[in-house]
Amino acid sequence: MYLITICSVGFLYFTFSNFFNANIWLIIAMMQIVQMILEEVLNSLYDDVLPCIPMKLSVGVLAYLATMGAIDLYYFMLGYLVDVGISTIERAYLSLIQEKISKFVEEKN
């Protein structure tokens, strides 16, 4: 849990960099993918769901906070819409995506 907190603070500092502002949509999309992979890894590591919930929520909140590092309101709104769009697609195709990620994680274990 401490490792996720330290990585989250580091990522929040990174969101205010020029590199992040230049590639905001790509990084937000990658953050959503990392969030899905992290959920599957945590589900495979823990038998109970209760220890996984705080870690999943912290990464989810971090994805929404990442849009605050945008240059102006226009990029903030576009970054937020990209995040919501990816979340909508994830919800629509959640079972297919989870099956593929689960197979990948099980092969690596």
C-alpha atoms as a PDB file:
ATOM      1  CA  MET A   1       0.000   0.000   0.000  1.00  0.00           C
ATOM      2  CA  TYR A   2       2.852   2.382   0.783  1.00  0.00           C
ATOM      3  CA  LEU A   3       4.418   1.704  -2.591  1.00  0.00           C
ATOM      4  CA  ILE A   4       1.197   2.658  -4.378  1.00  0.00           C
ATOM      5  CA  THR A   5       0.998   5.861  -2.315  1.00  0.00           C
ATOM      6  CA  ILE A   6       4.567   6.850  -3.144  1.00  0.00           C
ATOM      7  CA  CYS A   7       4.025   6.084  -6.845  1.00  0.00           C
ATOM      8  CA  SER A   8       0.778   8.081  -6.807  1.00  0.00           C
ATOM      9  CA  VAL A   9       2.454  11.171  -5.355  1.00  0.00           C
ATOM     10  CA  GLY A  10       5.258  10.865  -7.898  1.00  0.00           C
ATOM     11  CA  PHE A  11       2.742  10.549 -10.710  1.00  0.00           C
ATOM     12  CA  LEU A  12       0.837  13.620  -9.496  1.00  0.00           C
ATOM     13  CA  TYR A  13       4.068  15.633  -9.622  1.00  0.00           C
ATOM     14  CA  PHE A  14       4.650  14.266 -13.127  1.00  0.00           C
ATOM     15  CA  THR A  15       1.215  15.504 -14.270  1.00  0.00           C
ATOM     16  CA  PHE A  16       2.402  19.098 -13.973  1.00  0.00           C
ATOM     17  CA  SER A  17       5.337  18.575 -16.354  1.00  0.00           C
ATOM     18  CA  ASN A  18       5.521  19.742 -19.968  1.00  0.00           C
ATOM     19  CA  PHE A  19       5.883  16.159 -21.214  1.00  0.00           C
ATOM     20  CA  PHE A  20       2.582  15.204 -19.612  1.00  0.00           C
ATOM     21  CA  ASN A  21       0.851  18.240 -21.109  1.00  0.00           C
ATOM     22  CA  ALA A  22       2.113  17.301 -24.561  1.00  0.00           C
ATOM     23  CA  ASN A  23       0.910  13.684 -24.268  1.00  0.00           C
ATOM     24  CA  ILE A  24      -2.064  13.999 -21.915  1.00  0.00           C
ATOM     25  CA  TRP A  25      -4.476  11.737 -23.838  1.00  0.00           C
ATOM     26  CA  LEU A  26      -1.937   8.964 -24.337  1.00  0.00           C
ATOM     27  CA  ILE A  27      -0.914   8.961 -20.678  1.00  0.00           C
ATOM     28  CA  ILE A  28      -4.532   8.956 -19.475  1.00  0.00           C
ATOM     29  CA  ALA A  29      -5.307   6.027 -21.778  1.00  0.00           C
ATOM     30  CA  MET A  30      -2.239   4.163 -20.494  1.00  0.00           C
ATOM     31  CA  MET A  31      -3.321   4.914 -16.924  1.00  0.00           C
ATOM     32  CA  GLN A  32      -6.695   3.277 -17.572  1.00  0.00           C
ATOM     33  CA  ILE A  33      -4.984   0.187 -18.992  1.00  0.00           C
ATOM     34  CA  VAL A  34      -2.632   0.017 -16.001  1.00  0.00           C
ATOM     35  CA  GLN A  35      -5.660   0.313 -13.722  1.00  0.00           C
ATOM     36  CA  MET A  36      -7.347  -2.681 -15.390  1.00  0.00           C
ATOM     37  CA  ILE A  37      -4.157  -4.763 -15.194  1.00  0.00           C
ATOM     38  CA  LEU A  38      -3.630  -3.813 -11.545  1.00  0.00           C
ATOM     39  CA  GLU A  39      -7.173  -4.908 -10.704  1.00  0.00           C
ATOM     40  CA  GLU A  40      -6.612  -8.318 -12.242  1.00  0.00           C
ATOM     41  CA  VAL A  41      -3.234  -8.759 -10.577  1.00  0.00           C
ATOM     42  CA  LEU A  42      -4.682  -7.845  -7.182  1.00  0.00           C
ATOM     43  CA  ASN A  43      -7.621 -10.198  -7.712  1.00  0.00           C
ATOM     44  CA  SER A  44      -5.232 -13.037  -8.503  1.00  0.00           C
ATOM     45  CA  LEU A  45      -2.976 -12.276  -5.502  1.00  0.00           C
ATOM     46  CA  TYR A  46      -5.693 -11.956  -2.867  1.00  0.00           C
ATOM     47  CA  ASP A  47      -8.448 -14.467  -2.228  1.00  0.00           C
ATOM     48  CA  ASP A  48     -10.574 -11.815  -0.540  1.00  0.00           C
ATOM     49  CA  VAL A  49     -11.687  -8.647  -2.296  1.00  0.00           C
ATOM     50  CA  LEU A  50     -11.559  -6.443   0.808  1.00  0.00           C
ATOM     51  CA  PRO A  51      -7.768  -5.754   0.809  1.00  0.00           C
ATOM     52  CA  CYS A  52      -7.891  -4.890  -2.907  1.00  0.00           C
ATOM     53  CA  ILE A  53     -10.540  -2.180  -2.725  1.00  0.00           C
ATOM     54  CA  PRO A  54      -8.399   0.678  -1.266  1.00  0.00           C
ATOM     55  CA  MET A  55      -5.653   0.079  -3.821  1.00  0.00           C
ATOM     56  CA  LYS A  56      -8.126  -0.031  -6.721  1.00  0.00           C
ATOM     57  CA  LEU A  57      -9.843   3.143  -5.558  1.00  0.00           C
ATOM     58  CA  SER A  58      -6.581   5.038  -5.092  1.00  0.00           C
ATOM     59  CA  VAL A  59      -5.514   4.264  -8.659  1.00  0.00           C
ATOM     60  CA  GLY A  60      -8.986   5.222  -9.943  1.00  0.00           C
ATOM     61  CA  VAL A  61      -8.899   8.558  -8.135  1.00  0.00           C
ATOM     62  CA  LEU A  62      -5.390   9.166  -9.434  1.00  0.00           C
ATOM     63  CA  ALA A  63      -6.618   8.721 -13.008  1.00  0.00           C
ATOM     64  CA  TYR A  64      -9.211  11.446 -12.469  1.00  0.00           C
ATOM     65  CA  LEU A  65      -6.743  13.734 -10.699  1.00  0.00           C
ATOM     66  CA  ALA A  66      -4.285  13.384 -13.575  1.00  0.00           C
ATOM     67  CA  THR A  67      -6.514  15.554 -15.742  1.00  0.00           C
ATOM     68  CA  MET A  68      -5.925  18.473 -13.369  1.00  0.00           C
ATOM     69  CA  GLY A  69      -2.385  18.849 -14.691  1.00  0.00           C
ATOM     70  CA  ALA A  70      -3.662  20.168 -18.024  1.00  0.00           C
ATOM     71  CA  ILE A  71      -2.488  23.505 -19.393  1.00  0.00           C
ATOM     72  CA  ASP A  72      -5.922  25.117 -19.584  1.00  0.00           C
ATOM     73  CA  LEU A  73      -9.618  24.352 -19.270  1.00  0.00           C
ATOM     74  CA  TYR A  74      -9.842  23.050 -22.841  1.00  0.00           C
ATOM     75  CA  TYR A  75      -7.217  20.351 -22.286  1.00  0.00           C
ATOM     76  CA  PHE A  76      -8.685  19.569 -18.876  1.00  0.00           C
ATOM     77  CA  MET A  77     -12.122  18.958 -20.395  1.00  0.00           C
ATOM     78  CA  LEU A  78     -10.720  16.903 -23.275  1.00  0.00           C
ATOM     79  CA  GLY A  79      -8.621  14.833 -20.895  1.00  0.00           C
ATOM     80  CA  TYR A  80     -11.638  14.255 -18.684  1.00  0.00           C
ATOM     81  CA  LEU A  81     -13.760  13.267 -21.690  1.00  0.00           C
ATOM     82  CA  VAL A  82     -11.075  10.829 -22.854  1.00  0.00           C
ATOM     83  CA  ASP A  83     -11.030   9.329 -19.362  1.00  0.00           C
ATOM     84  CA  VAL A  84     -14.820   9.021 -19.248  1.00  0.00           C
ATOM     85  CA  GLY A  85     -14.894   7.629 -22.800  1.00  0.00           C
ATOM     86  CA  ILE A  86     -12.365   4.932 -21.973  1.00  0.00           C
ATOM     87  CA  SER A  87     -14.293   4.103 -18.799  1.00  0.00           C
ATOM     88  CA  THR A  88     -17.507   3.790 -20.829  1.00  0.00           C
ATOM     89  CA  ILE A  89     -15.861   1.480 -23.355  1.00  0.00           C
ATOM     90  CA  GLU A  90     -14.335  -0.486 -20.488  1.00  0.00           C
ATOM     91  CA  ARG A  91     -17.763  -0.974 -18.911  1.00  0.00           C
ATOM     92  CA  ALA A  92     -19.318  -2.040 -22.214  1.00  0.00           C
ATOM     93  CA  TYR A  93     -16.632  -4.592 -23.014  1.00  0.00           C
ATOM     94  CA  LEU A  94     -15.564  -5.336 -19.442  1.00  0.00           C
ATOM     95  CA  SER A  95     -16.048  -9.091 -19.559  1.00  0.00           C
ATOM     96  CA  LEU A  96     -14.028  -9.518 -22.774  1.00  0.00           C
ATOM     97  CA  ILE A  97     -11.209  -7.328 -21.535  1.00  0.00           C
ATOM     98  CA  GLN A  98     -11.110  -9.017 -18.132  1.00  0.00           C
ATOM     99  CA  GLU A  99     -10.939 -12.477 -19.671  1.00  0.00           C
ATOM    100  CA  LYS A 100      -7.950 -11.517 -21.813  1.00  0.00           C
ATOM    101  CA  ILE A 101      -6.153  -9.820 -18.928  1.00  0.00           C
ATOM    102  CA  SER A 102      -6.934 -12.750 -16.600  1.00  0.00           C
ATOM    103  CA  LYS A 103      -5.460 -15.204 -19.073  1.00  0.00           C
ATOM    104  CA  PHE A 104      -2.358 -13.035 -19.451  1.00  0.00           C
ATOM    105  CA  VAL A 105      -1.900 -12.723 -15.671  1.00  0.00           C
ATOM    106  CA  GLU A 106      -2.434 -16.454 -15.121  1.00  0.00           C
ATOM    107  CA  GLU A 107       0.155 -17.264 -17.788  1.00  0.00           C
ATOM    108  CA  LYS A 108       2.698 -15.018 -16.069  1.00  0.00           C
ATOM    109  CA  ASN A 109       2.061 -16.603 -12.655  1.00  0.00           C
END
